C-alpha atoms as a PDB file:
ATOM      1  CA  UNK A   1       0.000   0.000   0.000  1.00  0.00           C
ATOM      2  CA  UNK A   2       1.421   3.348  -1.039  1.00  0.00           C
ATOM      3  CA  UNK A   3       1.419   6.488   1.042  1.00  0.00           C
ATOM      4  CA  UNK A   4      -1.444   8.040  -0.961  1.00  0.00           C
ATOM      5  CA  UNK A   5      -3.593   4.960  -0.501  1.00  0.00           C
ATOM      6  CA  UNK A   6      -2.832   4.857   3.231  1.00  0.00           C
ATOM      7  CA  UNK A   7      -3.686   8.552   3.613  1.00  0.00           C
ATOM      8  CA  UNK A   8      -6.950   8.088   1.727  1.00  0.00           C
ATOM      9  CA  UNK A   9      -7.887   5.103   3.903  1.00  0.00           C
ATOM     10  CA  UNK A  10      -7.075   6.835   7.195  1.00  0.00           C
ATOM     11  CA  UNK A  11      -8.356  10.229   6.100  1.00  0.00           C
ATOM     12  CA  UNK A  12     -11.395  11.572   4.298  1.00  0.00           C
ATOM     13  CA  UNK A  13     -12.087   8.609   2.006  1.00  0.00           C
ATOM     14  CA  UNK A  14     -11.998   5.885   4.638  1.00  0.00           C
ATOM     15  CA  UNK A  15     -13.476   8.161   7.284  1.00  0.00           C
ATOM     16  CA  UNK A  16     -16.503   8.967   5.146  1.00  0.00           C
ATOM     17  CA  UNK A  17     -17.069   5.266   4.468  1.00  0.00           C
ATOM     18  CA  UNK A  18     -16.738   4.349   8.149  1.00  0.00           C
ATOM     19  CA  UNK A  19     -19.125   7.121   9.216  1.00  0.00           C
ATOM     20  CA  UNK A  20     -21.718   6.073   6.630  1.00  0.00           C
ATOM     21  CA  UNK A  21     -21.420   2.415   7.638  1.00  0.00           C
ATOM     22  CA  UNK A  22     -21.873   3.236  11.333  1.00  0.00           C
ATOM     23  CA  UNK A  23     -24.867   5.463  10.593  1.00  0.00           C
ATOM     24  CA  UNK A  24     -26.412   2.975   8.165  1.00  0.00           C
ATOM     25  CA  UNK A  25     -26.049   0.167  10.699  1.00  0.00           C
ATOM     26  CA  UNK A  26     -27.546   2.305  13.475  1.00  0.00           C
ATOM     27  CA  UNK A  27     -30.567   3.413  11.437  1.00  0.00           C
ATOM     28  CA  UNK A  28     -31.174  -0.117  10.096  1.00  0.00           C
ATOM     29  CA  UNK A  29     -31.025  -1.689  13.556  1.00  0.00           C
ATOM     30  CA  UNK A  30     -33.369   0.970  14.968  1.00  0.00           C
ATOM     31  CA  UNK A  31     -35.752   0.835  11.985  1.00  0.00           C
ATOM     32  CA  UNK A  32     -35.457  -2.561  10.246  1.00  0.00           C
ATOM     33  CA  UNK A  33     -38.425  -1.787   7.994  1.00  0.00           C
ATOM     34  CA  UNK A  34     -36.692   1.193   6.336  1.00  0.00           C
ATOM     35  CA  UNK A  35     -35.820   0.819   2.674  1.00  0.00           C
ATOM     36  CA  UNK A  36     -32.307   1.542   1.438  1.00  0.00           C
ATOM     37  CA  UNK A  37     -33.496   4.856   0.026  1.00  0.00           C
ATOM     38  CA  UNK A  38     -35.046   5.823   3.361  1.00  0.00           C
ATOM     39  CA  UNK A  39     -31.855   4.823   5.191  1.00  0.00           C
ATOM     40  CA  UNK A  40     -29.747   6.964   2.856  1.00  0.00           C
ATOM     41  CA  UNK A  41     -32.074   9.939   3.267  1.00  0.00           C
ATOM     42  CA  UNK A  42     -32.132   9.557   7.057  1.00  0.00           C
ATOM     43  CA  UNK A  43     -28.347   9.495   7.167  1.00  0.00           C
ATOM     44  CA  UNK A  44     -28.005  12.542   4.900  1.00  0.00           C
ATOM     45  CA  UNK A  45     -30.468  14.584   6.959  1.00  0.00           C
ATOM     46  CA  UNK A  46     -28.746  13.484  10.162  1.00  0.00           C
ATOM     47  CA  UNK A  47     -25.297  14.374   8.820  1.00  0.00           C
ATOM     48  CA  UNK A  48     -26.200  17.794   7.464  1.00  0.00           C
ATOM     49  CA  UNK A  49     -29.180  18.640   9.677  1.00  0.00           C
ATOM     50  CA  UNK A  50     -26.993  18.698  12.764  1.00  0.00           C
ATOM     51  CA  UNK A  51     -24.889  21.450  11.227  1.00  0.00           C
ATOM     52  CA  UNK A  52     -27.757  23.294   9.552  1.00  0.00           C
ATOM     53  CA  UNK A  53     -26.285  22.720   6.093  1.00  0.00           C
ATOM     54  CA  UNK A  54     -29.483  21.730   4.349  1.00  0.00           C
ATOM     55  CA  UNK A  55     -28.185  22.884   0.966  1.00  0.00           C
ATOM     56  CA  UNK A  56     -25.522  20.177   1.284  1.00  0.00           C
ATOM     57  CA  UNK A  57     -28.215  17.630   2.137  1.00  0.00           C
ATOM     58  CA  UNK A  58     -30.191  18.525  -0.968  1.00  0.00           C
ATOM     59  CA  UNK A  59     -27.081  18.353  -3.136  1.00  0.00           C
ATOM     60  CA  UNK A  60     -26.023  15.003  -1.616  1.00  0.00           C
ATOM     61  CA  UNK A  61     -29.427  13.468  -2.286  1.00  0.00           C
ATOM     62  CA  UNK A  62     -29.314  14.803  -5.820  1.00  0.00           C
ATOM     63  CA  UNK A  63     -25.925  13.137  -6.368  1.00  0.00           C
ATOM     64  CA  UNK A  64     -27.205   9.898  -4.856  1.00  0.00           C
ATOM     65  CA  UNK A  65     -30.094   9.781  -7.346  1.00  0.00           C
ATOM     66  CA  UNK A  66     -27.534   8.740  -9.979  1.00  0.00           C
ATOM     67  CA  UNK A  67     -26.759   5.565  -8.015  1.00  0.00           C
ATOM     68  CA  UNK A  68     -28.586   2.775  -6.248  1.00  0.00           C
ATOM     69  CA  UNK A  69     -28.930   3.777  -2.567  1.00  0.00           C
ATOM     70  CA  UNK A  70     -26.309   1.618  -0.822  1.00  0.00           C
ATOM     71  CA  UNK A  71     -23.778   2.537   1.855  1.00  0.00           C
ATOM     72  CA  UNK A  72     -20.978   2.465  -0.716  1.00  0.00           C
ATOM     73  CA  UNK A  73     -22.813   4.740  -3.132  1.00  0.00           C
ATOM     74  CA  UNK A  74     -23.898   7.029  -0.318  1.00  0.00           C
ATOM     75  CA  UNK A  75     -20.310   7.368   0.894  1.00  0.00           C
ATOM     76  CA  UNK A  76     -19.184   8.113  -2.666  1.00  0.00           C
ATOM     77  CA  UNK A  77     -21.916  10.737  -3.138  1.00  0.00           C
ATOM     78  CA  UNK A  78     -20.956  12.408   0.154  1.00  0.00           C
ATOM     79  CA  UNK A  79     -17.282  12.468  -0.811  1.00  0.00           C
ATOM     80  CA  UNK A  80     -18.127  14.163  -4.117  1.00  0.00           C
ATOM     81  CA  UNK A  81     -20.595  16.481  -2.384  1.00  0.00           C
ATOM     82  CA  UNK A  82     -18.103  17.647   0.216  1.00  0.00           C
ATOM     83  CA  UNK A  83     -15.293  18.145  -2.294  1.00  0.00           C
ATOM     84  CA  UNK A  84     -17.012  19.924  -5.205  1.00  0.00           C
ATOM     85  CA  UNK A  85     -13.825  21.644  -6.367  1.00  0.00           C
ATOM     86  CA  UNK A  86     -12.215  18.219  -6.833  1.00  0.00           C
ATOM     87  CA  UNK A  87     -15.219  16.104  -7.836  1.00  0.00           C
ATOM     88  CA  UNK A  88     -14.223  15.757 -11.499  1.00  0.00           C
ATOM     89  CA  UNK A  89     -10.705  14.672 -10.555  1.00  0.00           C
ATOM     90  CA  UNK A  90     -12.020  12.242  -7.928  1.00  0.00           C
ATOM     91  CA  UNK A  91     -14.585  10.736 -10.274  1.00  0.00           C
ATOM     92  CA  UNK A  92     -12.127  10.337 -13.161  1.00  0.00           C
ATOM     93  CA  UNK A  93      -8.775   9.574 -11.535  1.00  0.00           C
ATOM     94  CA  UNK A  94      -9.579   7.989  -8.174  1.00  0.00           C
ATOM     95  CA  UNK A  95     -12.861   6.153  -8.794  1.00  0.00           C
ATOM     96  CA  UNK A  96     -11.616   2.546  -8.686  1.00  0.00           C
ATOM     97  CA  UNK A  97      -8.979   3.028  -5.987  1.00  0.00           C
ATOM     98  CA  UNK A  98     -11.090   5.077  -3.596  1.00  0.00           C
ATOM     99  CA  UNK A  99     -14.263   3.045  -4.040  1.00  0.00           C
ATOM    100  CA  UNK A 100     -12.234  -0.057  -3.216  1.00  0.00           C
ATOM    101  CA  UNK A 101     -10.994   1.612  -0.033  1.00  0.00           C
ATOM    102  CA  UNK A 102     -14.579   2.546   0.857  1.00  0.00           C
ATOM    103  CA  UNK A 103     -15.806  -0.980   0.115  1.00  0.00           C
ATOM    104  CA  UNK A 104     -13.153  -2.478   2.410  1.00  0.00           C
ATOM    105  CA  UNK A 105     -13.889  -0.023   5.226  1.00  0.00           C
ATOM    106  CA  UNK A 106     -17.639  -0.663   4.966  1.00  0.00           C
ATOM    107  CA  UNK A 107     -17.062  -4.437   4.925  1.00  0.00           C
ATOM    108  CA  UNK A 108     -15.321  -4.147   8.292  1.00  0.00           C
ATOM    109  CA  UNK A 109     -18.546  -2.836   9.833  1.00  0.00           C
ATOM    110  CA  UNK A 110     -20.494  -6.060   9.143  1.00  0.00           C
ATOM    111  CA  UNK A 111     -23.736  -4.398   8.099  1.00  0.00           C
ATOM    112  CA  UNK A 112     -26.910  -6.461   8.515  1.00  0.00           C
ATOM    113  CA  UNK A 113     -27.673  -6.594   4.763  1.00  0.00           C
ATOM    114  CA  UNK A 114     -26.082  -6.097   1.358  1.00  0.00           C
ATOM    115  CA  UNK A 115     -23.977  -2.996   0.827  1.00  0.00           C
ATOM    116  CA  UNK A 116     -23.285  -2.816  -2.911  1.00  0.00           C
END
């Protein structure tokens, strides 16, 4: 593992994935009847509602509409949402590497249902 990969895993990329996985697991255990879309929306409103950044919540949900609502896709949408100045670079140059990091970090959380 190179330094860049390690930094991504320990920093923003891995941290976003771990936070999403923890939140997804919490909401699913508290509300087992929630659909994946409802879980994603609940997490987004929790994440941005606490800071009063509802414009970020709206933008994150808009980005997520392009993907199936899974923890991996939610983490990816949040990463793009919170780094708009770099989103093209991330999507083009780091897609495979960073999504793999996110997948591995989410796998560690042992979510109660499929994640991809």
